[in-house]
C-alpha atoms as a PDB file:
ATOM      1  CA  MET A   1       9.434  22.154  12.964  1.00  0.00           C
ATOM      2  CA  THR A   2       8.441  21.446  16.555  1.00  0.00           C
ATOM      3  CA  GLU A   3      10.788  21.960  19.196  1.00  0.00           C
ATOM      4  CA  THR A   4      10.787  19.950  22.633  1.00  0.00           C
ATOM      5  CA  THR A   5      11.720  21.513  25.609  1.00  0.00           C
ATOM      6  CA  PRO A   6      13.857  20.032  27.836  1.00  0.00           C
ATOM      7  CA  LEU A   7      11.845  19.607  31.219  1.00  0.00           C
ATOM      8  CA  ALA A   8       8.990  17.956  28.531  1.00  0.00           C
ATOM      9  CA  PRO A   9       9.405  13.822  28.933  1.00  0.00           C
ATOM     10  CA  SER A  10       8.675  12.529  25.695  1.00  0.00           C
ATOM     11  CA  THR A  11       6.023   9.697  25.369  1.00  0.00           C
ATOM     12  CA  ALA A  12       8.543   7.004  25.699  1.00  0.00           C
ATOM     13  CA  GLU A  13      10.125   8.721  28.727  1.00  0.00           C
ATOM     14  CA  ALA A  14       6.741   8.466  30.447  1.00  0.00           C
ATOM     15  CA  ALA A  15       5.613   5.114  29.559  1.00  0.00           C
ATOM     16  CA  ALA A  16       9.139   4.142  30.879  1.00  0.00           C
ATOM     17  CA  ALA A  17       8.396   6.056  34.194  1.00  0.00           C
ATOM     18  CA  THR A  18       4.639   4.397  34.380  1.00  0.00           C
ATOM     19  CA  GLU A  19       6.066   0.735  34.121  1.00  0.00           C
ATOM     20  CA  ARG A  20       9.012   1.765  37.034  1.00  0.00           C
ATOM     21  CA  LEU A  21       6.262   3.355  39.105  1.00  0.00           C
ATOM     22  CA  ALA A  22       3.964  -0.009  38.316  1.00  0.00           C
ATOM     23  CA  ALA A  23       7.077  -2.615  39.014  1.00  0.00           C
ATOM     24  CA  LEU A  24       7.683  -0.312  42.670  1.00  0.00           C
ATOM     25  CA  VAL A  25       3.725  -0.668  43.457  1.00  0.00           C
ATOM     26  CA  ILE A  26       3.966  -4.656  42.671  1.00  0.00           C
ATOM     27  CA  GLY A  27       7.089  -4.823  44.542  1.00  0.00           C
ATOM     28  CA  ALA A  28       6.093  -3.109  47.533  1.00  0.00           C
ATOM     29  CA  LEU A  29       2.242  -5.152  47.123  1.00  0.00           C
ATOM     30  CA  THR A  30       4.101  -8.780  46.688  1.00  0.00           C
ATOM     31  CA  ALA A  31       6.402  -7.820  50.024  1.00  0.00           C
ATOM     32  CA  ILE A  32       3.573  -6.750  52.367  1.00  0.00           C
ATOM     33  CA  VAL A  33       1.567  -9.833  51.188  1.00  0.00           C
ATOM     34  CA  ILE A  34       4.548 -12.266  51.653  1.00  0.00           C
ATOM     35  CA  GLY A  35       5.080 -10.705  54.671  1.00  0.00           C
ATOM     36  CA  GLY A  36       1.633 -10.573  55.926  1.00  0.00           C
ATOM     37  CA  VAL A  37       1.184 -13.903  55.390  1.00  0.00           C
ATOM     38  CA  ALA A  38       4.517 -15.170  57.086  1.00  0.00           C
ATOM     39  CA  LEU A  39       3.370 -12.596  60.239  1.00  0.00           C
ATOM     40  CA  VAL A  40       0.310 -14.644  60.804  1.00  0.00           C
ATOM     41  CA  ILE A  41       1.521 -18.086  60.452  1.00  0.00           C
ATOM     42  CA  TYR A  42       4.580 -17.906  62.461  1.00  0.00           C
ATOM     43  CA  VAL A  43       4.060 -15.425  65.070  1.00  0.00           C
ATOM     44  CA  PRO A  44       2.656 -17.155  68.284  1.00  0.00           C
ATOM     45  CA  HIS A  45      -1.272 -16.977  68.929  1.00  0.00           C
ATOM     46  CA  GLY A  46      -3.236 -17.704  71.560  1.00  0.00           C
ATOM     47  CA  GLY A  47      -6.005 -19.505  69.662  1.00  0.00           C
ATOM     48  CA  HIS A  48      -6.967 -22.991  68.227  1.00  0.00           C
ATOM     49  CA  ALA A  49      -7.951 -24.275  64.687  1.00  0.00           C
ATOM     50  CA  ALA A  50      -9.729 -26.999  65.574  1.00  0.00           C
ATOM     51  CA  GLY A  51     -13.487 -26.192  64.990  1.00  0.00           C
ATOM     52  CA  SER A  52     -12.659 -23.087  65.665  1.00  0.00           C
ATOM     53  CA  SER A  53     -13.679 -20.893  62.606  1.00  0.00           C
ATOM     54  CA  TRP A  54     -15.933 -21.418  59.383  1.00  0.00           C
ATOM     55  CA  LEU A  55     -12.987 -19.561  57.402  1.00  0.00           C
ATOM     56  CA  PRO A  56     -11.139 -22.490  56.261  1.00  0.00           C
ATOM     57  CA  ALA A  57     -14.391 -23.397  54.113  1.00  0.00           C
ATOM     58  CA  ILE A  58     -14.962 -19.826  52.611  1.00  0.00           C
ATOM     59  CA  ASN A  59     -10.922 -20.092  51.840  1.00  0.00           C
ATOM     60  CA  ALA A  60     -11.685 -23.406  50.119  1.00  0.00           C
ATOM     61  CA  ALA A  61     -14.455 -22.165  48.476  1.00  0.00           C
ATOM     62  CA  LEU A  62     -12.941 -19.167  47.163  1.00  0.00           C
ATOM     63  CA  ASN A  63     -10.014 -20.886  45.475  1.00  0.00           C
ATOM     64  CA  ALA A  64     -12.231 -23.457  43.708  1.00  0.00           C
ATOM     65  CA  THR A  65     -14.238 -20.164  42.650  1.00  0.00           C
ATOM     66  CA  ALA A  66     -11.016 -18.462  41.615  1.00  0.00           C
ATOM     67  CA  THR A  67     -10.373 -22.035  39.536  1.00  0.00           C
ATOM     68  CA  VAL A  68     -13.337 -21.820  37.529  1.00  0.00           C
ATOM     69  CA  LEU A  69     -13.595 -18.475  36.611  1.00  0.00           C
ATOM     70  CA  LEU A  70      -9.539 -18.920  35.332  1.00  0.00           C
ATOM     71  CA  GLY A  71     -10.518 -21.773  33.293  1.00  0.00           C
ATOM     72  CA  SER A  72     -13.542 -20.114  31.811  1.00  0.00           C
ATOM     73  CA  GLY A  73     -11.336 -17.171  31.346  1.00  0.00           C
ATOM     74  CA  TYR A  74      -8.643 -19.276  28.883  1.00  0.00           C
ATOM     75  CA  VAL A  75     -11.467 -20.461  27.176  1.00  0.00           C
ATOM     76  CA  PHE A  76     -13.021 -17.226  26.842  1.00  0.00           C
ATOM     77  CA  ILE A  77      -9.961 -15.791  25.624  1.00  0.00           C
ATOM     78  CA  ARG A  78      -9.290 -18.710  23.060  1.00  0.00           C
ATOM     79  CA  ARG A  79     -12.884 -18.083  21.565  1.00  0.00           C
ATOM     80  CA  ARG A  80     -11.928 -14.866  21.178  1.00  0.00           C
ATOM     81  CA  ARG A  81     -14.560 -13.673  23.575  1.00  0.00           C
ATOM     82  CA  ILE A  82     -12.362 -10.525  24.813  1.00  0.00           C
ATOM     83  CA  ALA A  83     -15.181  -9.295  27.306  1.00  0.00           C
ATOM     84  CA  ALA A  84     -16.077 -12.696  28.809  1.00  0.00           C
ATOM     85  CA  HIS A  85     -12.043 -13.427  29.475  1.00  0.00           C
ATOM     86  CA  ARG A  86     -11.963  -9.833  31.049  1.00  0.00           C
ATOM     87  CA  ALA A  87     -14.750 -10.088  33.207  1.00  0.00           C
ATOM     88  CA  CYS A  88     -13.694 -13.738  34.274  1.00  0.00           C
ATOM     89  CA  MET A  89     -10.112 -12.703  34.838  1.00  0.00           C
ATOM     90  CA  ILE A  90     -11.370  -9.591  36.894  1.00  0.00           C
ATOM     91  CA  ALA A  91     -13.813 -11.933  39.210  1.00  0.00           C
ATOM     92  CA  ALA A  92     -10.445 -14.570  39.494  1.00  0.00           C
ATOM     93  CA  PHE A  93      -8.267 -11.778  40.892  1.00  0.00           C
ATOM     94  CA  ALA A  94     -11.490 -10.912  43.466  1.00  0.00           C
ATOM     95  CA  ALA A  95     -11.873 -14.128  44.231  1.00  0.00           C
ATOM     96  CA  SER A  96      -8.122 -14.809  45.176  1.00  0.00           C
ATOM     97  CA  SER A  97      -8.055 -11.278  46.905  1.00  0.00           C
ATOM     98  CA  LEU A  98     -10.855 -12.228  49.045  1.00  0.00           C
ATOM     99  CA  PHE A  99      -8.885 -15.391  50.013  1.00  0.00           C
ATOM    100  CA  LEU A 100      -6.084 -13.576  50.717  1.00  0.00           C
ATOM    101  CA  ILE A 101      -8.240 -11.288  53.179  1.00  0.00           C
ATOM    102  CA  THR A 102     -10.186 -14.220  54.830  1.00  0.00           C
ATOM    103  CA  TYR A 103      -6.836 -16.357  55.240  1.00  0.00           C
ATOM    104  CA  LEU A 104      -4.698 -13.383  56.688  1.00  0.00           C
ATOM    105  CA  ILE A 105      -7.859 -13.260  59.587  1.00  0.00           C
ATOM    106  CA  HIS A 106      -8.129 -16.866  60.136  1.00  0.00           C
ATOM    107  CA  HIS A 107      -4.475 -17.117  60.833  1.00  0.00           C
ATOM    108  CA  ALA A 108      -3.925 -14.404  62.755  1.00  0.00           C
ATOM    109  CA  ARG A 109      -6.404 -16.089  65.007  1.00  0.00           C
ATOM    110  CA  VAL A 110      -5.172 -19.316  65.088  1.00  0.00           C
ATOM    111  CA  GLY A 111      -1.818 -19.133  63.259  1.00  0.00           C
ATOM    112  CA  SER A 112      -0.431 -22.187  61.614  1.00  0.00           C
ATOM    113  CA  VAL A 113      -2.559 -25.104  61.508  1.00  0.00           C
ATOM    114  CA  PRO A 114      -0.785 -28.379  62.203  1.00  0.00           C
ATOM    115  CA  PHE A 115      -1.631 -31.484  60.003  1.00  0.00           C
ATOM    116  CA  HIS A 116      -3.661 -34.166  62.046  1.00  0.00           C
ATOM    117  CA  GLY A 117      -3.855 -36.812  59.154  1.00  0.00           C
ATOM    118  CA  PRO A 118      -2.624 -40.179  58.536  1.00  0.00           C
ATOM    119  CA  ALA A 119       0.701 -40.646  59.256  1.00  0.00           C
ATOM    120  CA  TRP A 120       0.889 -41.953  55.419  1.00  0.00           C
ATOM    121  CA  LEU A 121      -0.531 -39.492  54.145  1.00  0.00           C
ATOM    122  CA  ARG A 122       1.547 -36.716  55.513  1.00  0.00           C
ATOM    123  CA  PRO A 123       3.955 -37.117  52.542  1.00  0.00           C
ATOM    124  CA  VAL A 124       1.252 -36.466  50.177  1.00  0.00           C
ATOM    125  CA  TYR A 125       0.492 -33.185  52.343  1.00  0.00           C
ATOM    126  CA  VAL A 126       3.558 -31.616  52.814  1.00  0.00           C
ATOM    127  CA  GLY A 127       4.355 -32.977  48.684  1.00  0.00           C
ATOM    128  CA  LEU A 128       1.462 -30.625  47.918  1.00  0.00           C
ATOM    129  CA  LEU A 129       2.044 -27.541  50.489  1.00  0.00           C
ATOM    130  CA  VAL A 130       5.415 -26.971  49.873  1.00  0.00           C
ATOM    131  CA  PRO A 131       5.304 -26.156  45.918  1.00  0.00           C
ATOM    132  CA  HIS A 132       1.958 -24.472  46.675  1.00  0.00           C
ATOM    133  CA  ILE A 133       3.659 -22.144  49.438  1.00  0.00           C
ATOM    134  CA  VAL A 134       6.047 -21.177  46.944  1.00  0.00           C
ATOM    135  CA  LEU A 135       3.976 -20.634  43.773  1.00  0.00           C
ATOM    136  CA  ALA A 136       1.641 -19.017  45.790  1.00  0.00           C
ATOM    137  CA  ALA A 137       4.069 -16.193  46.600  1.00  0.00           C
ATOM    138  CA  LEU A 138       5.165 -16.110  43.213  1.00  0.00           C
ATOM    139  CA  VAL A 139       1.997 -16.017  41.655  1.00  0.00           C
ATOM    140  CA  VAL A 140       1.366 -12.419  43.226  1.00  0.00           C
ATOM    141  CA  PRO A 141       3.544 -10.484  41.449  1.00  0.00           C
ATOM    142  CA  LEU A 142       3.025 -12.548  38.405  1.00  0.00           C
ATOM    143  CA  ALA A 143      -1.025 -11.910  38.854  1.00  0.00           C
ATOM    144  CA  LEU A 144      -0.556  -8.390  39.256  1.00  0.00           C
ATOM    145  CA  THR A 145       2.098  -7.632  36.123  1.00  0.00           C
ATOM    146  CA  THR A 146      -0.072  -9.519  33.628  1.00  0.00           C
ATOM    147  CA  ILE A 147      -3.268  -7.730  34.836  1.00  0.00           C
ATOM    148  CA  HIS A 148      -1.246  -4.336  34.484  1.00  0.00           C
ATOM    149  CA  ARG A 149       0.081  -5.124  31.030  1.00  0.00           C
ATOM    150  CA  ALA A 150      -3.564  -5.892  30.327  1.00  0.00           C
ATOM    151  CA  TRP A 151      -5.220  -2.859  31.788  1.00  0.00           C
ATOM    152  CA  ARG A 152      -2.439  -0.717  29.853  1.00  0.00           C
ATOM    153  CA  GLY A 153      -2.969  -2.314  26.770  1.00  0.00           C
ATOM    154  CA  ARG A 154       0.199  -4.106  26.261  1.00  0.00           C
ATOM    155  CA  PHE A 155      -1.302  -7.148  25.384  1.00  0.00           C
ATOM    156  CA  ASP A 156       1.899  -8.389  23.449  1.00  0.00           C
ATOM    157  CA  ARG A 157       3.389  -8.532  26.906  1.00  0.00           C
ATOM    158  CA  HIS A 158       0.186  -9.293  28.769  1.00  0.00           C
ATOM    159  CA  ARG A 159      -0.022 -12.492  26.232  1.00  0.00           C
ATOM    160  CA  ARG A 160       3.581 -13.508  27.238  1.00  0.00           C
ATOM    161  CA  LEU A 161       3.566 -13.520  31.003  1.00  0.00           C
ATOM    162  CA  ALA A 162      -0.083 -15.278  30.892  1.00  0.00           C
ATOM    163  CA  ARG A 163       1.175 -18.244  29.595  1.00  0.00           C
ATOM    164  CA  VAL A 164       3.324 -18.426  32.490  1.00  0.00           C
ATOM    165  CA  THR A 165       0.753 -17.092  34.887  1.00  0.00           C
ATOM    166  CA  LEU A 166      -2.090 -19.228  34.249  1.00  0.00           C
ATOM    167  CA  PRO A 167      -0.563 -22.506  35.122  1.00  0.00           C
ATOM    168  CA  ILE A 168       0.947 -21.067  37.995  1.00  0.00           C
ATOM    169  CA  TRP A 169      -2.102 -19.136  39.452  1.00  0.00           C
ATOM    170  CA  LEU A 170      -4.577 -22.413  38.628  1.00  0.00           C
ATOM    171  CA  TYR A 171      -1.717 -24.687  40.389  1.00  0.00           C
ATOM    172  CA  VAL A 172      -2.274 -22.779  43.619  1.00  0.00           C
ATOM    173  CA  SER A 173      -6.137 -22.362  43.613  1.00  0.00           C
ATOM    174  CA  VAL A 174      -6.740 -26.361  42.930  1.00  0.00           C
ATOM    175  CA  SER A 175      -3.593 -26.986  45.268  1.00  0.00           C
ATOM    176  CA  GLY A 176      -5.610 -24.556  47.889  1.00  0.00           C
ATOM    177  CA  VAL A 177      -8.623 -26.679  47.628  1.00  0.00           C
ATOM    178  CA  LEU A 178      -6.870 -29.869  48.152  1.00  0.00           C
ATOM    179  CA  VAL A 179      -4.572 -28.502  51.222  1.00  0.00           C
ATOM    180  CA  TYR A 180      -7.768 -27.646  52.995  1.00  0.00           C
ATOM    181  CA  VAL A 181      -9.311 -31.227  52.236  1.00  0.00           C
ATOM    182  CA  LEU A 182      -6.227 -32.904  53.642  1.00  0.00           C
ATOM    183  CA  LEU A 183      -5.819 -30.039  56.767  1.00  0.00           C
ATOM    184  CA  TYR A 184      -9.361 -30.548  57.920  1.00  0.00           C
ATOM    185  CA  HIS A 185     -10.841 -33.638  57.033  1.00  0.00           C
ATOM    186  CA  ALA A 186      -7.992 -36.241  56.079  1.00  0.00           C
ATOM    187  CA  GLY A 187      -8.957 -38.701  59.050  1.00  0.00           C
ATOM    188  CA  ARG A 188     -11.510 -37.226  60.668  1.00  0.00           C
END
Protein backbone atom coordinates (compact mmCIF):
# COMPACT_ATOMS: atom_id res chain seq x y z
CA MET A 1 0.00 0.00 0.00
CA THR A 2 1.40 3.34 -1.03
CA GLU A 3 1.04 6.18 1.31
CA THR A 4 0.99 9.83 0.30
CA THR A 5 2.81 12.30 2.44
CA PRO A 6 0.83 15.24 3.73
CA LEU A 7 3.20 17.63 1.98
CA ALA A 8 2.85 16.11 -1.51
CA PRO A 9 -0.19 17.47 -3.35
CA SER A 10 -2.39 15.09 -5.24
CA THR A 11 -2.63 15.28 -8.99
CA ALA A 12 -6.10 16.84 -8.69
CA GLU A 13 -4.82 19.45 -6.25
CA ALA A 14 -1.90 20.28 -8.52
CA ALA A 15 -4.22 20.62 -11.51
CA ALA A 16 -6.54 22.88 -9.51
CA ALA A 17 -3.59 25.03 -8.45
CA THR A 18 -2.45 25.30 -12.07
CA GLU A 19 -5.94 26.38 -13.13
CA ARG A 20 -6.08 28.99 -10.36
CA LEU A 21 -2.71 30.35 -11.44
CA ALA A 22 -3.83 30.46 -15.08
CA ALA A 23 -7.01 32.30 -14.10
CA LEU A 24 -4.95 34.80 -12.11
CA VAL A 25 -2.53 35.39 -15.01
CA ILE A 26 -5.38 35.69 -17.53
CA GLY A 27 -7.18 38.12 -15.23
CA ALA A 28 -4.03 40.21 -14.78
CA LEU A 29 -3.33 40.28 -18.53
CA THR A 30 -6.93 41.28 -19.21
CA ALA A 31 -6.73 44.12 -16.68
CA ILE A 32 -3.43 45.31 -18.17
CA VAL A 33 -4.81 45.27 -21.72
CA ILE A 34 -8.06 47.06 -20.81
CA GLY A 35 -6.19 49.54 -18.63
CA GLY A 36 -3.65 50.20 -21.37
CA VAL A 37 -6.33 50.80 -23.98
CA ALA A 38 -8.26 53.13 -21.65
CA LEU A 39 -5.07 55.01 -20.82
CA VAL A 40 -4.02 55.65 -24.41
CA ILE A 41 -7.55 56.55 -25.53
CA TYR A 42 -8.66 58.82 -22.71
CA VAL A 43 -5.49 60.54 -21.52
CA PRO A 44 -5.01 63.81 -23.43
CA HIS A 45 -2.33 63.81 -26.15
CA GLY A 46 -0.67 66.50 -28.21
CA GLY A 47 -0.83 64.66 -31.53
CA HIS A 48 -3.53 64.61 -34.16
CA ALA A 49 -4.92 61.71 -36.12
CA ALA A 50 -5.50 63.07 -39.61
CA GLY A 51 -2.78 61.65 -41.82
CA SER A 52 -0.36 61.32 -38.94
CA SER A 53 0.20 57.61 -39.09
CA TRP A 54 0.14 54.53 -41.27
CA LEU A 55 -0.66 52.38 -38.23
CA PRO A 56 -4.47 52.44 -38.63
CA ALA A 57 -4.13 50.74 -42.03
CA ILE A 58 -1.76 48.17 -40.49
CA ASN A 59 -4.31 47.62 -37.70
CA ALA A 60 -7.07 47.00 -40.22
CA ALA A 61 -4.85 44.59 -42.14
CA LEU A 62 -4.03 42.70 -38.94
CA ASN A 63 -7.74 42.47 -38.08
CA ALA A 64 -8.50 41.22 -41.58
CA THR A 65 -5.68 38.69 -41.28
CA ALA A 66 -7.05 37.48 -37.93
CA THR A 67 -10.50 37.13 -39.53
CA VAL A 68 -9.18 34.94 -42.35
CA LEU A 69 -7.10 32.84 -39.93
CA LEU A 70 -10.01 32.36 -37.52
CA GLY A 71 -12.31 31.31 -40.35
CA SER A 72 -9.68 28.96 -41.76
CA GLY A 73 -9.02 27.51 -38.30
CA TYR A 74 -12.73 26.81 -37.92
CA VAL A 75 -12.89 25.08 -41.31
CA PHE A 76 -9.82 23.01 -40.46
CA ILE A 77 -11.18 21.79 -37.13
CA ARG A 78 -14.50 20.90 -38.76
CA ARG A 79 -12.49 18.76 -41.18
CA ARG A 80 -10.50 17.29 -38.27
CA ARG A 81 -7.25 18.78 -39.53
CA ILE A 82 -5.98 19.50 -36.02
CA ALA A 83 -2.43 20.62 -36.86
CA ALA A 84 -3.71 23.10 -39.45
CA HIS A 85 -6.36 24.33 -36.99
CA ARG A 86 -3.73 24.82 -34.29
CA ALA A 87 -1.44 26.71 -36.69
CA CYS A 88 -4.26 29.02 -37.81
CA MET A 89 -5.44 29.75 -34.29
CA ILE A 90 -1.92 30.48 -33.03
CA ALA A 91 -1.37 32.75 -36.05
CA ALA A 92 -4.73 34.47 -35.42
CA PHE A 93 -3.71 35.08 -31.81
CA ALA A 94 -0.36 36.46 -33.03
CA ALA A 95 -2.11 38.76 -35.54
CA SER A 96 -4.51 39.99 -32.85
CA SER A 97 -1.61 40.51 -30.43
CA LEU A 98 0.31 42.50 -33.05
CA PHE A 99 -2.86 44.49 -33.68
CA LEU A 100 -3.06 45.34 -29.98
CA ILE A 101 0.56 46.50 -29.91
CA THR A 102 0.19 48.73 -32.98
CA TYR A 103 -3.18 49.99 -31.74
CA LEU A 104 -1.64 51.03 -28.43
CA ILE A 105 1.31 52.70 -30.17
CA HIS A 106 -0.98 54.64 -32.51
CA HIS A 107 -3.38 55.80 -29.83
CA ALA A 108 -0.55 56.65 -27.43
CA ARG A 109 0.50 59.13 -30.13
CA VAL A 110 -2.89 60.53 -31.11
CA GLY A 111 -5.39 59.65 -28.37
CA SER A 112 -9.02 59.20 -29.30
CA VAL A 113 -9.85 59.74 -32.96
CA PRO A 114 -13.14 61.58 -33.59
CA PHE A 115 -15.54 60.51 -36.33
CA HIS A 116 -15.49 62.98 -39.24
CA GLY A 117 -17.79 61.16 -41.63
CA PRO A 118 -21.21 62.37 -42.73
CA ALA A 119 -23.79 62.90 -39.99
CA TRP A 120 -26.13 60.27 -41.41
CA LEU A 121 -23.36 57.66 -41.03
CA ARG A 122 -22.61 58.47 -37.37
CA PRO A 123 -25.37 56.17 -35.97
CA VAL A 124 -24.03 53.31 -38.08
CA TYR A 125 -20.50 54.01 -36.83
CA VAL A 126 -21.54 54.23 -33.17
CA GLY A 127 -23.81 51.18 -33.53
CA LEU A 128 -20.82 49.21 -34.77
CA LEU A 129 -18.27 50.74 -32.41
CA VAL A 130 -20.05 50.23 -29.08
CA PRO A 131 -20.45 46.43 -29.32
CA HIS A 132 -16.95 46.28 -30.87
CA ILE A 133 -15.46 47.92 -27.77
CA VAL A 134 -17.44 45.81 -25.30
CA LEU A 135 -16.73 42.54 -27.10
CA ALA A 136 -13.06 43.44 -27.66
CA ALA A 137 -12.66 43.69 -23.88
CA LEU A 138 -14.50 40.39 -23.45
CA VAL A 139 -12.51 38.52 -26.11
CA VAL A 140 -9.22 39.02 -24.25
CA PRO A 141 -9.98 36.62 -21.37
CA LEU A 142 -12.06 34.36 -23.62
CA ALA A 143 -9.27 33.88 -26.17
CA LEU A 144 -6.60 33.43 -23.49
CA THR A 145 -8.72 30.88 -21.61
CA THR A 146 -9.65 29.01 -24.80
CA ILE A 147 -5.99 28.80 -25.83
CA HIS A 148 -4.93 27.78 -22.33
CA ARG A 149 -7.44 24.94 -22.28
CA ALA A 150 -6.16 23.61 -25.61
CA TRP A 151 -2.55 23.97 -24.46
CA ARG A 152 -3.32 21.96 -21.30
CA GLY A 153 -5.08 19.27 -23.33
CA ARG A 154 -8.50 20.04 -21.85
CA PHE A 155 -10.19 19.69 -25.22
CA ASP A 156 -13.67 19.09 -23.83
CA ARG A 157 -13.56 22.45 -22.02
CA HIS A 158 -11.67 24.08 -24.90
CA ARG A 159 -14.35 23.06 -27.39
CA ARG A 160 -17.18 24.31 -25.17
CA LEU A 161 -15.58 27.72 -24.68
CA ALA A 162 -14.40 28.00 -28.30
CA ARG A 163 -18.05 27.88 -29.41
CA VAL A 164 -18.53 31.16 -27.53
CA THR A 165 -15.12 32.69 -28.20
CA LEU A 166 -14.99 32.23 -31.99
CA PRO A 167 -18.07 34.26 -32.97
CA ILE A 168 -17.10 37.06 -30.57
CA TRP A 169 -13.50 37.13 -31.82
CA LEU A 170 -14.73 37.11 -35.42
CA TYR A 171 -17.13 39.98 -34.73
CA VAL A 172 -14.34 42.01 -33.12
CA SER A 173 -11.97 41.36 -36.02
CA VAL A 174 -14.51 42.11 -38.77
CA SER A 175 -15.98 45.13 -37.00
CA GLY A 176 -12.44 46.43 -36.41
CA VAL A 177 -11.93 46.59 -40.18
CA LEU A 178 -15.33 48.26 -40.66
CA VAL A 179 -14.63 50.82 -37.90
CA TYR A 180 -11.34 51.64 -39.64
CA VAL A 181 -13.09 52.18 -42.98
CA LEU A 182 -15.77 54.39 -41.41
CA LEU A 183 -13.30 56.36 -39.29
CA TYR A 184 -10.59 56.98 -41.87
CA HIS A 185 -12.34 56.73 -45.26
CA ALA A 186 -16.04 57.66 -44.88
CA GLY A 187 -16.74 61.01 -46.43
CA ARG A 188 -13.12 61.83 -47.27
